[in-house]
Amino acid sequence: MSNAVLSLDQVSKAYRVRQGLFGRKLPLHALQDIAFSLQKGEVVGLVGESGCGKSTLAKILLGLLNPSKGTVSMYGQPIADMPLRERASRVQPIFQDPYSSLNPRKTVAQIVGLPLNLLGIKSADRNRQVTDMLDLVGLPQRAAGSFPSQLSGGQRQRVAIARALIARPEILICDEPTSALDVSVQSQILNLLQDLRDELNLTLLLISHNLAVVRHMSDRVVVMYLGRIVEEAETQALFDSPQHPYTHALLDTVLRPVPGQGLPYLDIQGEFPNPIRPPSGCAFHPRCKLAMDRCKSERPVLSASDGHRSACFLHDVN
């Protein structure tokens, strides 16, 4: 893992949550023992239902939250030891909603140039870099003087991408970067991200509910359930041969253009469990059609076979 651009080693995050007005505070484990890495120039997809811990993980990688335990490292150096300015210049976010993440009182040029202000770049150099970056993301120069409300959704997301890239980071944390956009615009933004990845040798963590987007963009996929990784594999291997029943169910929701099949749905029995009182054993067993007796009392370990990691007794390699 020390050669990875970014690596997570047994990262956990717990909150103390009060139940009811007079109830005592109980631990909510948003993340538990998360371990994976991102290699230079790689796109890793992170998927799972709402509440599985994806956004908490993104906030930790951006330095907005500290893990309860475990280490996040860049090239083997814990990012907790890095100055905040250095961390911000090397890891940048692209958020879900490009309108709410942009200051409506600032022009595009001011928004995109703000990180350079914080880095102490002089005005002349700053203006040149902003101009170059707007061109790189496909925005006309006349957009520099516009306000976010004067732009389309796709243009606003291009502004958000330009702002993220202006300090030349190595890693982008993309949290549902196209879900707030019209379908006709989504492909344009995804193609832009792919072009920028190749041109700037970026490393991307792509957080998304849209498995079609993840399949199109990612080199590897990490699947999370209730704060834990349940499967990780190269994209083609995961889509062709998923090993965890939860991954199977997620992949069944992907819309395929097959006449007569109708719309897909998430074929999982029961509801997402209470994270304050998680099930014993395998957290997925109350919703799993293939659960065995041991699943109710034993928690499967995330084990690897030919680079494919899975936490399921059905594919226990030991």
C-alpha atoms as a PDB file:
ATOM      1  CA  MET A   1       0.000   0.000   0.000  1.00  0.00           C
ATOM      2  CA  SER A   2       2.931   2.405   0.552  1.00  0.00           C
ATOM      3  CA  ASN A   3       3.333   2.862  -3.226  1.00  0.00           C
ATOM      4  CA  ALA A   4      -0.289   3.891  -3.643  1.00  0.00           C
ATOM      5  CA  VAL A   5      -1.285   7.492  -4.279  1.00  0.00           C
ATOM      6  CA  LEU A   6      -3.880   7.180  -1.534  1.00  0.00           C
ATOM      7  CA  SER A   7      -4.402   4.313   0.875  1.00  0.00           C
ATOM      8  CA  LEU A   8      -6.734   3.573   3.761  1.00  0.00           C
ATOM      9  CA  ASP A   9      -5.629   1.230   6.520  1.00  0.00           C
ATOM     10  CA  GLN A  10      -8.369  -0.060   8.849  1.00  0.00           C
ATOM     11  CA  VAL A  11     -10.197   3.272   8.867  1.00  0.00           C
ATOM     12  CA  SER A  12     -13.196   3.468  11.198  1.00  0.00           C
ATOM     13  CA  LYS A  13     -15.521   6.289  12.198  1.00  0.00           C
ATOM     14  CA  ALA A  14     -18.036   6.200  15.041  1.00  0.00           C
ATOM     15  CA  TYR A  15     -20.510   8.832  16.203  1.00  0.00           C
ATOM     16  CA  ARG A  16     -22.374   9.105  19.490  1.00  0.00           C
ATOM     17  CA  VAL A  17     -26.093   9.381  18.762  1.00  0.00           C
ATOM     18  CA  ARG A  18     -28.850  10.031  21.296  1.00  0.00           C
ATOM     19  CA  GLN A  19     -32.065   8.060  20.820  1.00  0.00           C
ATOM     20  CA  GLY A  20     -35.038  10.107  21.913  1.00  0.00           C
ATOM     21  CA  LEU A  21     -35.061  13.259  24.009  1.00  0.00           C
ATOM     22  CA  PHE A  22     -33.894  11.599  27.234  1.00  0.00           C
ATOM     23  CA  GLY A  23     -32.226   8.500  25.811  1.00  0.00           C
ATOM     24  CA  ARG A  24     -28.568   7.788  26.377  1.00  0.00           C
ATOM     25  CA  LYS A  25     -26.061   8.210  23.600  1.00  0.00           C
ATOM     26  CA  LEU A  26     -25.173   5.064  21.673  1.00  0.00           C
ATOM     27  CA  PRO A  27     -22.353   4.470  19.178  1.00  0.00           C
ATOM     28  CA  LEU A  28     -23.158   4.589  15.476  1.00  0.00           C
ATOM     29  CA  HIS A  29     -20.357   2.963  13.481  1.00  0.00           C
ATOM     30  CA  ALA A  30     -20.444   4.754  10.125  1.00  0.00           C
ATOM     31  CA  LEU A  31     -17.222   3.079   8.941  1.00  0.00           C
ATOM     32  CA  GLN A  32     -15.575  -0.088  10.174  1.00  0.00           C
ATOM     33  CA  ASP A  33     -12.100  -1.282   9.196  1.00  0.00           C
ATOM     34  CA  ILE A  34     -12.071   0.201   5.691  1.00  0.00           C
ATOM     35  CA  ALA A  35      -8.929  -0.752   3.770  1.00  0.00           C
ATOM     36  CA  PHE A  36      -8.232  -0.162   0.081  1.00  0.00           C
ATOM     37  CA  SER A  37      -5.945   1.944  -2.079  1.00  0.00           C
ATOM     38  CA  LEU A  38      -5.923   4.077  -5.213  1.00  0.00           C
ATOM     39  CA  GLN A  39      -3.102   3.771  -7.710  1.00  0.00           C
ATOM     40  CA  LYS A  40      -1.838   6.651  -9.840  1.00  0.00           C
ATOM     41  CA  GLY A  41      -4.196   7.440 -12.718  1.00  0.00           C
ATOM     42  CA  GLU A  42      -6.823   4.949 -11.536  1.00  0.00           C
ATOM     43  CA  VAL A  43     -10.577   5.458 -11.206  1.00  0.00           C
ATOM     44  CA  VAL A  44     -12.094   3.558  -8.289  1.00  0.00           C
ATOM     45  CA  GLY A  45     -15.875   3.384  -8.015  1.00  0.00           C
ATOM     46  CA  LEU A  46     -17.473   3.351  -4.557  1.00  0.00           C
ATOM     47  CA  VAL A  47     -21.052   2.066  -4.432  1.00  0.00           C
ATOM     48  CA  GLY A  48     -23.704   1.115  -1.910  1.00  0.00           C
ATOM     49  CA  GLU A  49     -27.109   2.159  -0.598  1.00  0.00           C
ATOM     50  CA  SER A  50     -27.641   5.472   1.175  1.00  0.00           C
ATOM     51  CA  GLY A  51     -26.377   5.174   4.739  1.00  0.00           C
ATOM     52  CA  CYS A  52     -23.584   2.733   3.964  1.00  0.00           C
ATOM     53  CA  GLY A  53     -20.838   5.258   4.833  1.00  0.00           C
ATOM     54  CA  LYS A  54     -19.754   6.583   1.417  1.00  0.00           C
ATOM     55  CA  SER A  55     -20.142  10.269   2.265  1.00  0.00           C
ATOM     56  CA  THR A  56     -18.453   9.863   5.650  1.00  0.00           C
ATOM     57  CA  LEU A  57     -15.515   8.258   3.889  1.00  0.00           C
ATOM     58  CA  ALA A  58     -15.342  11.137   1.385  1.00  0.00           C
ATOM     59  CA  LYS A  59     -15.280  13.677   4.221  1.00  0.00           C
ATOM     60  CA  ILE A  60     -12.413  11.839   5.897  1.00  0.00           C
ATOM     61  CA  LEU A  61     -10.407  11.793   2.664  1.00  0.00           C
ATOM     62  CA  LEU A  62     -10.990  15.548   2.270  1.00  0.00           C
ATOM     63  CA  GLY A  63      -9.925  16.262   5.842  1.00  0.00           C
ATOM     64  CA  LEU A  64     -13.411  17.408   6.888  1.00  0.00           C
ATOM     65  CA  LEU A  65     -13.619  14.590   9.449  1.00  0.00           C
ATOM     66  CA  ASN A  66     -10.994  12.678  11.401  1.00  0.00           C
ATOM     67  CA  PRO A  67     -11.259   8.897  11.610  1.00  0.00           C
ATOM     68  CA  SER A  68     -11.909   7.336  15.012  1.00  0.00           C
ATOM     69  CA  LYS A  69      -9.102   4.924  14.228  1.00  0.00           C
ATOM     70  CA  GLY A  70      -6.968   3.850  11.284  1.00  0.00           C
ATOM     71  CA  THR A  71      -4.807   5.829   8.900  1.00  0.00           C
ATOM     72  CA  VAL A  72      -5.264   7.560   5.556  1.00  0.00           C
ATOM     73  CA  SER A  73      -1.943   7.974   3.726  1.00  0.00           C
ATOM     74  CA  MET A  74      -0.682   9.610   0.559  1.00  0.00           C
ATOM     75  CA  TYR A  75       2.423   7.966  -0.865  1.00  0.00           C
ATOM     76  CA  GLY A  76       2.856   6.318   2.527  1.00  0.00           C
ATOM     77  CA  GLN A  77       2.669   9.586   4.498  1.00  0.00           C
ATOM     78  CA  PRO A  78      -0.322   9.995   6.845  1.00  0.00           C
ATOM     79  CA  ILE A  79      -2.382  12.918   5.587  1.00  0.00           C
ATOM     80  CA  ALA A  80      -3.098  13.869   9.202  1.00  0.00           C
ATOM     81  CA  ASP A  81       0.554  14.964   9.363  1.00  0.00           C
ATOM     82  CA  MET A  82       0.233  17.198   6.282  1.00  0.00           C
ATOM     83  CA  PRO A  83      -0.506  20.920   6.564  1.00  0.00           C
ATOM     84  CA  LEU A  84      -4.127  21.622   5.596  1.00  0.00           C
ATOM     85  CA  ARG A  85      -3.054  23.793   2.657  1.00  0.00           C
ATOM     86  CA  GLU A  86      -0.890  21.016   1.206  1.00  0.00           C
ATOM     87  CA  ARG A  87      -3.644  18.451   1.629  1.00  0.00           C
ATOM     88  CA  ALA A  88      -6.164  20.749  -0.038  1.00  0.00           C
ATOM     89  CA  SER A  89      -3.847  21.351  -2.985  1.00  0.00           C
ATOM     90  CA  ARG A  90      -3.452  17.608  -3.572  1.00  0.00           C
ATOM     91  CA  VAL A  91      -6.987  16.303  -2.906  1.00  0.00           C
ATOM     92  CA  GLN A  92     -10.059  18.165  -4.170  1.00  0.00           C
ATOM     93  CA  PRO A  93     -13.814  17.416  -4.253  1.00  0.00           C
ATOM     94  CA  ILE A  94     -16.469  17.637  -6.947  1.00  0.00           C
ATOM     95  CA  PHE A  95     -19.861  17.727  -5.243  1.00  0.00           C
ATOM     96  CA  GLN A  96     -23.253  16.440  -6.326  1.00  0.00           C
ATOM     97  CA  ASP A  97     -25.121  19.713  -6.827  1.00  0.00           C
ATOM     98  CA  PRO A  98     -23.122  22.269  -8.813  1.00  0.00           C
ATOM     99  CA  TYR A  99     -25.512  25.068  -7.895  1.00  0.00           C
ATOM    100  CA  SER A 100     -25.474  24.738  -4.106  1.00  0.00           C
ATOM    101  CA  SER A 101     -21.680  24.218  -4.077  1.00  0.00           C
ATOM    102  CA  LEU A 102     -20.980  27.499  -5.935  1.00  0.00           C
ATOM    103  CA  ASN A 103     -21.168  30.930  -4.304  1.00  0.00           C
ATOM    104  CA  PRO A 104     -24.048  32.711  -6.082  1.00  0.00           C
ATOM    105  CA  ARG A 105     -22.550  36.133  -5.291  1.00  0.00           C
ATOM    106  CA  LYS A 106     -19.235  35.432  -7.031  1.00  0.00           C
ATOM    107  CA  THR A 107     -18.465  35.403 -10.737  1.00  0.00           C
ATOM    108  CA  VAL A 108     -17.099  32.300 -12.416  1.00  0.00           C
ATOM    109  CA  ALA A 109     -13.612  33.826 -12.552  1.00  0.00           C
ATOM    110  CA  GLN A 110     -13.727  34.600  -8.825  1.00  0.00           C
ATOM    111  CA  ILE A 111     -14.987  31.105  -7.962  1.00  0.00           C
ATOM    112  CA  VAL A 112     -12.386  29.303 -10.039  1.00  0.00           C
ATOM    113  CA  GLY A 113      -9.562  31.595  -8.907  1.00  0.00           C
ATOM    114  CA  LEU A 114     -10.293  31.429  -5.178  1.00  0.00           C
ATOM    115  CA  PRO A 115      -7.976  28.439  -4.483  1.00  0.00           C
ATOM    116  CA  LEU A 116      -5.136  30.366  -6.150  1.00  0.00           C
ATOM    117  CA  ASN A 117      -5.852  33.303  -3.828  1.00  0.00           C
ATOM    118  CA  LEU A 118      -5.416  30.999  -0.851  1.00  0.00           C
ATOM    119  CA  LEU A 119      -2.162  29.678  -2.315  1.00  0.00           C
ATOM    120  CA  GLY A 120      -0.827  33.205  -2.717  1.00  0.00           C
ATOM    121  CA  ILE A 121      -0.681  33.259  -6.535  1.00  0.00           C
ATOM    122  CA  LYS A 122      -0.261  36.803  -7.906  1.00  0.00           C
ATOM    123  CA  SER A 123      -3.124  38.477  -9.768  1.00  0.00           C
ATOM    124  CA  ALA A 124      -1.616  38.360 -13.284  1.00  0.00           C
ATOM    125  CA  ASP A 125      -0.712  34.669 -12.995  1.00  0.00           C
ATOM    126  CA  ARG A 126      -4.065  33.934 -11.404  1.00  0.00           C
ATOM    127  CA  ASN A 127      -6.026  35.474 -14.269  1.00  0.00           C
ATOM    128  CA  ARG A 128      -3.994  33.546 -16.829  1.00  0.00           C
ATOM    129  CA  GLN A 129      -4.463  30.248 -15.015  1.00  0.00           C
ATOM    130  CA  VAL A 130      -8.204  30.833 -14.674  1.00  0.00           C
ATOM    131  CA  THR A 131      -8.466  31.571 -18.395  1.00  0.00           C
ATOM    132  CA  ASP A 132      -6.527  28.414 -19.249  1.00  0.00           C
ATOM    133  CA  MET A 133      -8.625  26.291 -16.892  1.00  0.00           C
ATOM    134  CA  LEU A 134     -11.944  27.528 -18.276  1.00  0.00           C
ATOM    135  CA  ASP A 135     -10.732  26.601 -21.729  1.00  0.00           C
ATOM    136  CA  LEU A 136      -9.616  23.189 -20.486  1.00  0.00           C
ATOM    137  CA  VAL A 137     -13.087  22.335 -19.133  1.00  0.00           C
ATOM    138  CA  GLY A 138     -14.831  23.593 -22.263  1.00  0.00           C
ATOM    139  CA  LEU A 139     -16.271  26.891 -21.057  1.00  0.00           C
ATOM    140  CA  PRO A 140     -16.223  29.992 -23.285  1.00  0.00           C
ATOM    141  CA  GLN A 141     -14.214  32.956 -22.012  1.00  0.00           C
ATOM    142  CA  ARG A 142     -17.374  35.073 -21.754  1.00  0.00           C
ATOM    143  CA  ALA A 143     -18.474  32.785 -18.922  1.00  0.00           C
ATOM    144  CA  ALA A 144     -15.733  34.231 -16.691  1.00  0.00           C
ATOM    145  CA  GLY A 145     -17.859  37.255 -15.834  1.00  0.00           C
ATOM    146  CA  SER A 146     -21.092  35.305 -15.375  1.00  0.00           C
ATOM    147  CA  PHE A 147     -22.737  34.315 -12.102  1.00  0.00           C
ATOM    148  CA  PRO A 148     -23.785  30.684 -11.420  1.00  0.00           C
ATOM    149  CA  SER A 149     -27.475  31.548 -11.844  1.00  0.00           C
ATOM    150  CA  GLN A 150     -26.763  32.603 -15.441  1.00  0.00           C
ATOM    151  CA  LEU A 151     -25.350  29.190 -16.372  1.00  0.00           C
ATOM    152  CA  SER A 152     -26.928  25.840 -17.198  1.00  0.00           C
ATOM    153  CA  GLY A 153     -26.495  22.847 -14.893  1.00  0.00           C
ATOM    154  CA  GLY A 154     -23.809  21.347 -17.094  1.00  0.00           C
ATOM    155  CA  GLN A 155     -21.911  24.646 -17.250  1.00  0.00           C
ATOM    156  CA  ARG A 156     -22.089  25.004 -13.466  1.00  0.00           C
ATOM    157  CA  GLN A 157     -20.605  21.539 -13.045  1.00  0.00           C
ATOM    158  CA  ARG A 158     -17.800  22.511 -15.431  1.00  0.00           C
ATOM    159  CA  VAL A 159     -17.136  25.510 -13.193  1.00  0.00           C
ATOM    160  CA  ALA A 160     -17.003  23.189 -10.168  1.00  0.00           C
ATOM    161  CA  ILE A 161     -14.547  20.930 -12.011  1.00  0.00           C
ATOM    162  CA  ALA A 162     -12.417  23.929 -13.004  1.00  0.00           C
ATOM    163  CA  ARG A 163     -12.325  25.123  -9.396  1.00  0.00           C
ATOM    164  CA  ALA A 164     -11.281  21.659  -8.213  1.00  0.00           C
ATOM    165  CA  LEU A 165      -8.491  21.440 -10.799  1.00  0.00           C
ATOM    166  CA  ILE A 166      -7.083  24.974 -10.645  1.00  0.00           C
ATOM    167  CA  ALA A 167      -4.554  24.069  -7.937  1.00  0.00           C
ATOM    168  CA  ARG A 168      -3.493  20.993  -9.971  1.00  0.00           C
ATOM    169  CA  PRO A 169      -4.451  18.300  -7.443  1.00  0.00           C
ATOM    170  CA  GLU A 170      -3.513  14.670  -7.911  1.00  0.00           C
ATOM    171  CA  ILE A 171      -6.757  13.203  -6.572  1.00  0.00           C
ATOM    172  CA  LEU A 172     -10.407  14.088  -7.165  1.00  0.00           C
ATOM    173  CA  ILE A 173     -13.148  12.876  -4.827  1.00  0.00           C
ATOM    174  CA  CYS A 174     -16.239  12.864  -7.059  1.00  0.00           C
ATOM    175  CA  ASP A 175     -19.398  12.548  -4.960  1.00  0.00           C
ATOM    176  CA  GLU A 176     -22.290  11.804  -7.354  1.00  0.00           C
ATOM    177  CA  PRO A 177     -20.895  14.306  -9.892  1.00  0.00           C
ATOM    178  CA  THR A 178     -23.704  13.871 -12.445  1.00  0.00           C
ATOM    179  CA  SER A 179     -26.804  12.871 -10.462  1.00  0.00           C
ATOM    180  CA  ALA A 180     -28.174  16.450 -10.319  1.00  0.00           C
ATOM    181  CA  LEU A 181     -27.808  16.928 -14.085  1.00  0.00           C
ATOM    182  CA  ASP A 182     -30.132  16.189 -16.978  1.00  0.00           C
ATOM    183  CA  VAL A 183     -29.485  12.830 -18.606  1.00  0.00           C
ATOM    184  CA  SER A 184     -28.491  14.572 -21.844  1.00  0.00           C
ATOM    185  CA  VAL A 185     -25.723  16.455 -19.998  1.00  0.00           C
ATOM    186  CA  GLN A 186     -24.438  13.622 -17.824  1.00  0.00           C
ATOM    187  CA  SER A 187     -22.493  11.924 -20.605  1.00  0.00           C
ATOM    188  CA  GLN A 188     -20.783  15.207 -21.510  1.00  0.00           C
ATOM    189  CA  ILE A 189     -19.522  15.663 -17.941  1.00  0.00           C
ATOM    190  CA  LEU A 190     -18.422  12.021 -17.683  1.00  0.00           C
ATOM    191  CA  ASN A 191     -16.520  12.276 -20.966  1.00  0.00           C
ATOM    192  CA  LEU A 192     -14.919  15.500 -19.729  1.00  0.00           C
ATOM    193  CA  LEU A 193     -13.761  13.792 -16.534  1.00  0.00           C
ATOM    194  CA  GLN A 194     -12.281  10.932 -18.533  1.00  0.00           C
ATOM    195  CA  ASP A 195     -10.442  13.338 -20.843  1.00  0.00           C
ATOM    196  CA  LEU A 196      -9.098  15.318 -17.880  1.00  0.00           C
ATOM    197  CA  ARG A 197      -8.023  12.137 -16.155  1.00  0.00           C
ATOM    198  CA  ASP A 198      -5.971  11.121 -19.186  1.00  0.00           C
ATOM    199  CA  GLU A 199      -4.574  14.587 -19.855  1.00  0.00           C
ATOM    200  CA  LEU A 200      -3.661  15.454 -16.259  1.00  0.00           C
ATOM    201  CA  ASN A 201      -2.975  11.910 -15.003  1.00  0.00           C
ATOM    202  CA  LEU A 202      -5.573  12.296 -12.271  1.00  0.00           C
ATOM    203  CA  THR A 203      -6.652   9.678  -9.756  1.00  0.00           C
ATOM    204  CA  LEU A 204     -10.408   9.573  -9.098  1.00  0.00           C
ATOM    205  CA  LEU A 205     -12.612   8.143  -6.380  1.00  0.00           C
ATOM    206  CA  LEU A 206     -16.067   8.035  -7.971  1.00  0.00           C
ATOM    207  CA  ILE A 207     -18.914   7.783  -5.447  1.00  0.00           C
ATOM    208  CA  SER A 208     -22.174   6.966  -7.184  1.00  0.00           C
ATOM    209  CA  HIS A 209     -25.504   5.178  -6.968  1.00  0.00           C
ATOM    210  CA  ASN A 210     -25.506   4.870 -10.749  1.00  0.00           C
ATOM    211  CA  LEU A 211     -23.879   1.538 -11.531  1.00  0.00           C
ATOM    212  CA  ALA A 212     -23.950   2.223 -15.264  1.00  0.00           C
ATOM    213  CA  VAL A 213     -21.769   5.297 -14.642  1.00  0.00           C
ATOM    214  CA  VAL A 214     -19.456   3.302 -12.392  1.00  0.00           C
ATOM    215  CA  ARG A 215     -19.068   0.571 -15.011  1.00  0.00           C
ATOM    216  CA  HIS A 216     -18.344   3.138 -17.707  1.00  0.00           C
ATOM    217  CA  MET A 217     -15.780   5.111 -15.692  1.00  0.00           C
ATOM    218  CA  SER A 218     -14.091   2.843 -13.170  1.00  0.00           C
ATOM    219  CA  ASP A 219     -11.109   0.521 -13.255  1.00  0.00           C
ATOM    220  CA  ARG A 220     -12.048  -1.066  -9.921  1.00  0.00           C
ATOM    221  CA  VAL A 221     -15.195  -1.069  -7.791  1.00  0.00           C
ATOM    222  CA  VAL A 222     -15.561  -1.123  -4.011  1.00  0.00           C
ATOM    223  CA  VAL A 223     -18.972  -2.172  -2.650  1.00  0.00           C
ATOM    224  CA  MET A 224     -19.973  -1.060   0.854  1.00  0.00           C
ATOM    225  CA  TYR A 225     -22.766  -2.195   3.140  1.00  0.00           C
ATOM    226  CA  LEU A 226     -23.482  -0.794   6.593  1.00  0.00           C
ATOM    227  CA  GLY A 227     -20.038   0.761   6.993  1.00  0.00           C
ATOM    228  CA  ARG A 228     -17.979  -2.183   5.749  1.00  0.00           C
ATOM    229  CA  ILE A 229     -16.513  -3.266   2.438  1.00  0.00           C
ATOM    230  CA  VAL A 230     -18.281  -6.426   1.296  1.00  0.00           C
ATOM    231  CA  GLU A 231     -16.639  -6.769  -2.127  1.00  0.00           C
ATOM    232  CA  GLU A 232     -13.866  -5.256  -4.233  1.00  0.00           C
ATOM    233  CA  ALA A 233     -12.701  -6.265  -7.695  1.00  0.00           C
ATOM    234  CA  GLU A 234     -11.727  -4.974 -11.096  1.00  0.00           C
ATOM    235  CA  THR A 235     -14.797  -3.547 -12.785  1.00  0.00           C
ATOM    236  CA  GLN A 236     -15.215  -6.196 -15.461  1.00  0.00           C
ATOM    237  CA  ALA A 237     -14.722  -9.036 -12.987  1.00  0.00           C
ATOM    238  CA  LEU A 238     -17.207  -7.576 -10.530  1.00  0.00           C
ATOM    239  CA  PHE A 239     -19.906  -7.021 -13.138  1.00  0.00           C
ATOM    240  CA  ASP A 240     -19.332 -10.376 -14.835  1.00  0.00           C
ATOM    241  CA  SER A 241     -18.948 -12.477 -11.697  1.00  0.00           C
ATOM    242  CA  PRO A 242     -20.078 -10.798  -8.457  1.00  0.00           C
ATOM    243  CA  GLN A 243     -19.361 -12.897  -5.370  1.00  0.00           C
ATOM    244  CA  HIS A 244     -21.441 -11.204  -2.665  1.00  0.00           C
ATOM    245  CA  PRO A 245     -25.273 -11.515  -2.681  1.00  0.00           C
ATOM    246  CA  TYR A 246     -25.569  -7.780  -1.993  1.00  0.00           C
ATOM    247  CA  THR A 247     -23.510  -6.979  -5.081  1.00  0.00           C
ATOM    248  CA  HIS A 248     -25.714  -9.372  -7.073  1.00  0.00           C
ATOM    249  CA  ALA A 249     -28.796  -7.444  -5.966  1.00  0.00           C
ATOM    250  CA  LEU A 250     -27.252  -4.075  -6.802  1.00  0.00           C
ATOM    251  CA  LEU A 251     -26.224  -5.203 -10.274  1.00  0.00           C
ATOM    252  CA  ASP A 252     -29.758  -6.455 -10.937  1.00  0.00           C
ATOM    253  CA  THR A 253     -30.927  -2.833 -10.690  1.00  0.00           C
ATOM    254  CA  VAL A 254     -28.857  -1.730 -13.709  1.00  0.00           C
ATOM    255  CA  LEU A 255     -31.163  -0.763 -16.565  1.00  0.00           C
ATOM    256  CA  ARG A 256     -30.469  -2.950 -19.587  1.00  0.00           C
ATOM    257  CA  PRO A 257     -32.047  -2.283 -22.982  1.00  0.00           C
ATOM    258  CA  VAL A 258     -33.735  -5.670 -23.267  1.00  0.00           C
ATOM    259  CA  PRO A 259     -37.316  -5.596 -24.656  1.00  0.00           C
ATOM    260  CA  GLY A 260     -39.945  -7.008 -22.350  1.00  0.00           C
ATOM    261  CA  GLN A 261     -37.839  -6.946 -19.158  1.00  0.00           C
ATOM    262  CA  GLY A 262     -39.463  -3.813 -17.753  1.00  0.00           C
ATOM    263  CA  LEU A 263     -37.833  -1.546 -15.194  1.00  0.00           C
ATOM    264  CA  PRO A 264     -35.308  -2.984 -12.732  1.00  0.00           C
ATOM    265  CA  TYR A 265     -35.801  -2.860  -8.967  1.00  0.00           C
ATOM    266  CA  LEU A 266     -33.703  -3.603  -5.897  1.00  0.00           C
ATOM    267  CA  ASP A 267     -34.723  -7.189  -5.127  1.00  0.00           C
ATOM    268  CA  ILE A 268     -33.650  -7.260  -1.485  1.00  0.00           C
ATOM    269  CA  GLN A 269     -36.026  -8.381   1.237  1.00  0.00           C
ATOM    270  CA  GLY A 270     -36.488  -6.268   4.347  1.00  0.00           C
ATOM    271  CA  GLU A 271     -35.260  -2.772   5.117  1.00  0.00           C
ATOM    272  CA  PHE A 272     -31.817  -1.318   5.596  1.00  0.00           C
ATOM    273  CA  PRO A 273     -30.865  -2.180   9.217  1.00  0.00           C
ATOM    274  CA  ASN A 274     -30.519   0.284  12.066  1.00  0.00           C
ATOM    275  CA  PRO A 275     -26.795   1.179  12.166  1.00  0.00           C
ATOM    276  CA  ILE A 276     -27.023   1.829  15.914  1.00  0.00           C
ATOM    277  CA  ARG A 277     -28.169  -1.759  16.470  1.00  0.00           C
ATOM    278  CA  PRO A 278     -26.681  -3.709  13.548  1.00  0.00           C
ATOM    279  CA  PRO A 279     -27.462  -7.389  13.050  1.00  0.00           C
ATOM    280  CA  SER A 280     -25.134  -9.969  14.537  1.00  0.00           C
ATOM    281  CA  GLY A 281     -22.817 -11.973  12.320  1.00  0.00           C
ATOM    282  CA  CYS A 282     -22.960 -10.885   8.683  1.00  0.00           C
ATOM    283  CA  ALA A 283     -24.808  -7.542   8.651  1.00  0.00           C
ATOM    284  CA  PHE A 284     -26.538  -8.504   5.391  1.00  0.00           C
ATOM    285  CA  HIS A 285     -27.931 -11.848   6.577  1.00  0.00           C
ATOM    286  CA  PRO A 286     -31.482 -10.621   7.496  1.00  0.00           C
ATOM    287  CA  ARG A 287     -31.966  -9.502   3.874  1.00  0.00           C
ATOM    288  CA  CYS A 288     -30.028 -12.272   2.137  1.00  0.00           C
ATOM    289  CA  LYS A 289     -31.878 -15.096   0.376  1.00  0.00           C
ATOM    290  CA  LEU A 290     -28.774 -17.307   0.573  1.00  0.00           C
ATOM    291  CA  ALA A 291     -28.022 -16.806   4.285  1.00  0.00           C
ATOM    292  CA  MET A 292     -26.845 -19.849   6.245  1.00  0.00           C
ATOM    293  CA  ASP A 293     -26.978 -20.475   9.989  1.00  0.00           C
ATOM    294  CA  ARG A 294     -23.372 -19.404  10.473  1.00  0.00           C
ATOM    295  CA  CYS A 295     -24.148 -16.051   8.817  1.00  0.00           C
ATOM    296  CA  LYS A 296     -26.320 -15.169  11.829  1.00  0.00           C
ATOM    297  CA  SER A 297     -23.501 -15.545  14.352  1.00  0.00           C
ATOM    298  CA  GLU A 298     -20.199 -15.203  12.462  1.00  0.00           C
ATOM    299  CA  ARG A 299     -18.990 -12.169  10.565  1.00  0.00           C
ATOM    300  CA  PRO A 300     -17.210 -13.182   7.327  1.00  0.00           C
ATOM    301  CA  VAL A 301     -13.739 -11.787   6.792  1.00  0.00           C
ATOM    302  CA  LEU A 302     -12.934  -9.852   3.632  1.00  0.00           C
ATOM    303  CA  SER A 303     -10.677 -12.350   1.862  1.00  0.00           C
ATOM    304  CA  ALA A 304      -8.995 -12.249  -1.543  1.00  0.00           C
ATOM    305  CA  SER A 305      -8.774 -14.688  -4.424  1.00  0.00           C
ATOM    306  CA  ASP A 306      -7.043 -13.609  -7.660  1.00  0.00           C
ATOM    307  CA  GLY A 307      -7.390  -9.945  -6.675  1.00  0.00           C
ATOM    308  CA  HIS A 308     -11.135 -10.288  -6.039  1.00  0.00           C
ATOM    309  CA  ARG A 309     -12.038  -9.550  -2.401  1.00  0.00           C
ATOM    310  CA  SER A 310     -15.326 -10.676  -0.903  1.00  0.00           C
ATOM    311  CA  ALA A 311     -16.784 -10.965   2.608  1.00  0.00           C
ATOM    312  CA  CYS A 312     -19.143 -13.908   2.160  1.00  0.00           C
ATOM    313  CA  PHE A 313     -19.122 -17.505   3.372  1.00  0.00           C
ATOM    314  CA  LEU A 314     -20.373 -18.623  -0.045  1.00  0.00           C
ATOM    315  CA  HIS A 315     -16.963 -17.720  -1.447  1.00  0.00           C
ATOM    316  CA  ASP A 316     -14.785 -18.355   1.585  1.00  0.00           C
ATOM    317  CA  VAL A 317     -11.313 -19.108   0.222  1.00  0.00           C
ATOM    318  CA  ASN A 318      -9.983 -20.399   3.543  1.00  0.00           C
END
